[in-house]
N, C-alpha and C. Protein backbone atom coordinates (compact mmCIF):
# COMPACT_ATOMS: atom_id res chain seq x y z
N MET A 1 -38.83 179.49 256.85
CA MET A 1 -38.54 180.91 256.87
C MET A 1 -37.29 181.20 256.02
N LEU A 2 -36.26 180.39 256.18
CA LEU A 2 -35.03 180.59 255.43
C LEU A 2 -35.27 180.44 253.93
N ALA A 3 -36.10 179.48 253.55
CA ALA A 3 -36.40 179.30 252.13
C ALA A 3 -37.13 180.52 251.57
N PHE A 4 -38.05 181.08 252.35
CA PHE A 4 -38.78 182.28 251.94
C PHE A 4 -37.81 183.44 251.72
N LEU A 5 -36.91 183.66 252.67
CA LEU A 5 -35.96 184.77 252.56
C LEU A 5 -35.00 184.57 251.39
N THR A 6 -34.59 183.33 251.16
CA THR A 6 -33.72 183.03 250.03
C THR A 6 -34.44 183.37 248.72
N GLU A 7 -35.70 182.98 248.61
CA GLU A 7 -36.50 183.29 247.42
C GLU A 7 -36.66 184.81 247.25
N GLU A 8 -36.92 185.52 248.32
CA GLU A 8 -37.05 186.98 248.26
C GLU A 8 -35.74 187.63 247.79
N ASN A 9 -34.62 187.13 248.29
CA ASN A 9 -33.31 187.66 247.87
C ASN A 9 -33.08 187.43 246.39
N GLN A 10 -33.45 186.26 245.89
CA GLN A 10 -33.28 185.95 244.48
C GLN A 10 -34.17 186.84 243.62
N GLN A 11 -35.39 187.08 244.06
CA GLN A 11 -36.30 187.95 243.30
C GLN A 11 -35.78 189.38 243.30
N ALA A 12 -35.26 189.84 244.42
CA ALA A 12 -34.71 191.20 244.48
C ALA A 12 -33.51 191.34 243.56
N ALA A 13 -32.68 190.31 243.51
CA ALA A 13 -31.49 190.34 242.66
C ALA A 13 -31.87 190.32 241.18
N ALA A 14 -33.00 189.73 240.85
CA ALA A 14 -33.42 189.62 239.46
C ALA A 14 -34.21 190.84 238.98
N SER A 15 -34.43 191.80 239.85
CA SER A 15 -35.21 192.98 239.46
C SER A 15 -34.47 193.78 238.40
N THR A 16 -35.20 194.61 237.68
CA THR A 16 -34.60 195.38 236.60
C THR A 16 -33.60 196.39 237.12
N ALA A 17 -32.66 196.77 236.27
CA ALA A 17 -31.61 197.72 236.64
C ALA A 17 -32.19 199.11 236.87
N PRO A 18 -31.71 199.84 237.87
CA PRO A 18 -32.20 201.19 238.13
C PRO A 18 -31.76 202.16 237.03
N THR A 19 -32.48 203.27 236.93
CA THR A 19 -32.15 204.24 235.89
C THR A 19 -31.14 205.28 236.36
N SER A 20 -30.95 205.42 237.67
CA SER A 20 -29.99 206.38 238.17
C SER A 20 -29.42 205.91 239.50
N GLU A 21 -28.34 206.55 239.92
CA GLU A 21 -27.70 206.19 241.18
C GLU A 21 -28.64 206.41 242.37
N GLU A 22 -29.54 207.37 242.26
CA GLU A 22 -30.49 207.65 243.34
C GLU A 22 -31.46 206.51 243.57
N ASP A 23 -31.63 205.64 242.57
CA ASP A 23 -32.54 204.51 242.68
C ASP A 23 -31.90 203.27 243.30
N LEU A 24 -30.60 203.34 243.59
CA LEU A 24 -29.89 202.20 244.17
C LEU A 24 -30.03 202.15 245.68
N CYS A 25 -30.03 200.95 246.22
CA CYS A 25 -30.09 200.73 247.66
C CYS A 25 -28.90 201.43 248.33
N PRO A 26 -29.15 202.23 249.36
CA PRO A 26 -28.05 202.92 250.04
C PRO A 26 -27.18 202.00 250.89
N ILE A 27 -27.58 200.74 251.04
CA ILE A 27 -26.81 199.78 251.82
C ILE A 27 -25.83 199.02 250.91
N CYS A 28 -26.35 198.38 249.86
CA CYS A 28 -25.51 197.51 249.03
C CYS A 28 -25.13 198.13 247.67
N TYR A 29 -25.85 199.13 247.23
CA TYR A 29 -25.62 199.76 245.91
C TYR A 29 -25.69 198.76 244.76
N ALA A 30 -26.34 197.63 244.97
CA ALA A 30 -26.42 196.60 243.95
C ALA A 30 -27.83 196.40 243.41
N HIS A 31 -28.83 196.71 244.22
CA HIS A 31 -30.23 196.48 243.83
C HIS A 31 -31.00 197.80 243.87
N SER A 32 -32.13 197.80 243.17
CA SER A 32 -33.00 198.96 243.18
C SER A 32 -33.72 199.08 244.51
N ILE A 33 -34.00 200.31 244.92
CA ILE A 33 -34.83 200.54 246.10
C ILE A 33 -36.22 200.03 245.78
N CYS A 34 -36.76 199.17 246.62
CA CYS A 34 -38.09 198.63 246.34
C CYS A 34 -38.90 198.41 247.61
N ALA A 35 -38.38 198.82 248.77
CA ALA A 35 -39.11 198.65 250.02
C ALA A 35 -38.80 199.81 250.96
N VAL A 36 -39.74 200.07 251.86
CA VAL A 36 -39.60 201.18 252.80
C VAL A 36 -39.98 200.71 254.20
N PHE A 37 -39.20 201.12 255.18
CA PHE A 37 -39.49 200.80 256.58
C PHE A 37 -40.62 201.69 257.09
N ARG A 38 -41.43 201.15 257.95
CA ARG A 38 -42.41 201.92 258.70
C ARG A 38 -42.08 201.81 260.16
N PRO A 39 -42.09 202.88 260.91
CA PRO A 39 -42.70 204.18 260.64
C PRO A 39 -41.75 205.23 260.09
N CYS A 40 -40.47 204.97 259.95
CA CYS A 40 -39.49 206.03 259.67
C CYS A 40 -39.35 206.38 258.19
N SER A 41 -39.81 205.53 257.29
CA SER A 41 -39.81 205.77 255.83
C SER A 41 -38.43 205.70 255.18
N HIS A 42 -37.43 205.11 255.82
CA HIS A 42 -36.16 204.91 255.15
C HIS A 42 -36.32 203.79 254.13
N LYS A 43 -35.58 203.88 253.02
CA LYS A 43 -35.75 202.96 251.89
C LYS A 43 -34.52 202.10 251.66
N SER A 44 -34.75 200.90 251.12
CA SER A 44 -33.68 199.96 250.82
C SER A 44 -34.20 198.94 249.82
N CYS A 45 -33.33 198.03 249.41
CA CYS A 45 -33.79 196.91 248.59
C CYS A 45 -34.31 195.80 249.51
N LYS A 46 -35.12 194.93 248.96
CA LYS A 46 -35.69 193.85 249.77
C LYS A 46 -34.62 192.87 250.25
N ALA A 47 -33.59 192.66 249.46
CA ALA A 47 -32.53 191.73 249.87
C ALA A 47 -31.87 192.22 251.16
N CYS A 48 -31.54 193.50 251.22
CA CYS A 48 -30.90 194.06 252.43
C CYS A 48 -31.86 194.07 253.60
N ILE A 49 -33.11 194.45 253.36
CA ILE A 49 -34.09 194.47 254.44
C ILE A 49 -34.31 193.07 255.00
N ASN A 50 -34.49 192.09 254.12
CA ASN A 50 -34.71 190.71 254.58
C ASN A 50 -33.53 190.21 255.38
N GLN A 51 -32.32 190.47 254.92
CA GLN A 51 -31.13 190.03 255.65
C GLN A 51 -31.07 190.70 257.02
N HIS A 52 -31.34 192.00 257.05
CA HIS A 52 -31.29 192.76 258.30
C HIS A 52 -32.34 192.27 259.30
N LEU A 53 -33.55 191.99 258.81
CA LEU A 53 -34.63 191.58 259.71
C LEU A 53 -34.44 190.19 260.31
N MET A 54 -33.52 189.42 259.76
CA MET A 54 -33.24 188.11 260.33
C MET A 54 -32.61 188.25 261.72
N ASN A 55 -31.90 189.36 261.97
CA ASN A 55 -31.17 189.52 263.22
C ASN A 55 -31.55 190.77 264.01
N ASN A 56 -32.31 191.67 263.42
CA ASN A 56 -32.52 192.97 264.03
C ASN A 56 -33.89 193.50 263.65
N LYS A 57 -34.51 194.24 264.53
CA LYS A 57 -35.82 194.84 264.26
C LYS A 57 -35.76 196.37 264.27
N ASP A 58 -34.57 196.93 264.15
CA ASP A 58 -34.40 198.38 264.13
C ASP A 58 -33.97 198.83 262.74
N CYS A 59 -34.32 200.08 262.41
CA CYS A 59 -33.94 200.66 261.12
C CYS A 59 -32.41 200.74 261.00
N PHE A 60 -31.91 200.52 259.78
CA PHE A 60 -30.47 200.66 259.49
C PHE A 60 -29.95 202.03 259.89
N PHE A 61 -30.74 203.04 259.58
CA PHE A 61 -30.28 204.42 259.61
C PHE A 61 -30.54 205.13 260.93
N CYS A 62 -31.79 205.07 261.42
CA CYS A 62 -32.17 205.88 262.59
C CYS A 62 -32.42 205.05 263.84
N LYS A 63 -32.36 203.74 263.73
CA LYS A 63 -32.55 202.81 264.85
C LYS A 63 -33.97 202.80 265.41
N ALA A 64 -34.95 203.34 264.66
CA ALA A 64 -36.35 203.26 265.07
C ALA A 64 -36.80 201.80 264.98
N THR A 65 -37.69 201.40 265.86
CA THR A 65 -38.22 200.04 265.83
C THR A 65 -39.12 199.89 264.61
N ILE A 66 -38.84 198.89 263.79
CA ILE A 66 -39.59 198.66 262.55
C ILE A 66 -40.93 198.02 262.89
N THR A 67 -42.00 198.64 262.42
CA THR A 67 -43.33 198.09 262.62
C THR A 67 -43.87 197.43 261.36
N GLY A 68 -43.22 197.67 260.24
CA GLY A 68 -43.65 197.07 258.99
C GLY A 68 -42.72 197.45 257.85
N VAL A 69 -42.85 196.71 256.75
CA VAL A 69 -42.10 196.99 255.53
C VAL A 69 -43.11 197.00 254.39
N GLU A 70 -43.09 198.06 253.61
CA GLU A 70 -44.02 198.19 252.49
C GLU A 70 -43.27 198.29 251.17
N ASP A 71 -43.95 197.92 250.09
CA ASP A 71 -43.37 198.10 248.75
C ASP A 71 -43.23 199.58 248.47
N TYR A 72 -42.17 199.94 247.76
CA TYR A 72 -41.90 201.33 247.41
C TYR A 72 -41.98 201.49 245.92
N SER A 73 -42.70 202.49 245.49
CA SER A 73 -42.70 202.84 244.06
C SER A 73 -42.30 204.31 243.97
N LYS A 74 -41.33 204.58 243.10
CA LYS A 74 -40.79 205.93 242.96
C LYS A 74 -41.89 206.88 242.49
N PRO A 75 -42.04 208.03 243.19
CA PRO A 75 -43.06 208.99 242.75
C PRO A 75 -42.72 209.54 241.36
N CYS A 76 -43.73 209.77 240.57
CA CYS A 76 -43.53 210.28 239.21
C CYS A 76 -43.24 211.76 239.19
């Protein structure tokens, strides 16, 4: 499990640079937003979500119980 999370963090860190400040993770401001919590729809980067899920199953922002994490693509 730790190896998987380490690999996910490395892939998130290697992602392309965002085009605007709105595309940055609201937690770390270092990676692009690329994942969304379900059911609350709050967004973050995969590195922050993976780190958070190691110790907690609640949303960063609203404390809703996370039922899933989906890939996020910015609407056009």
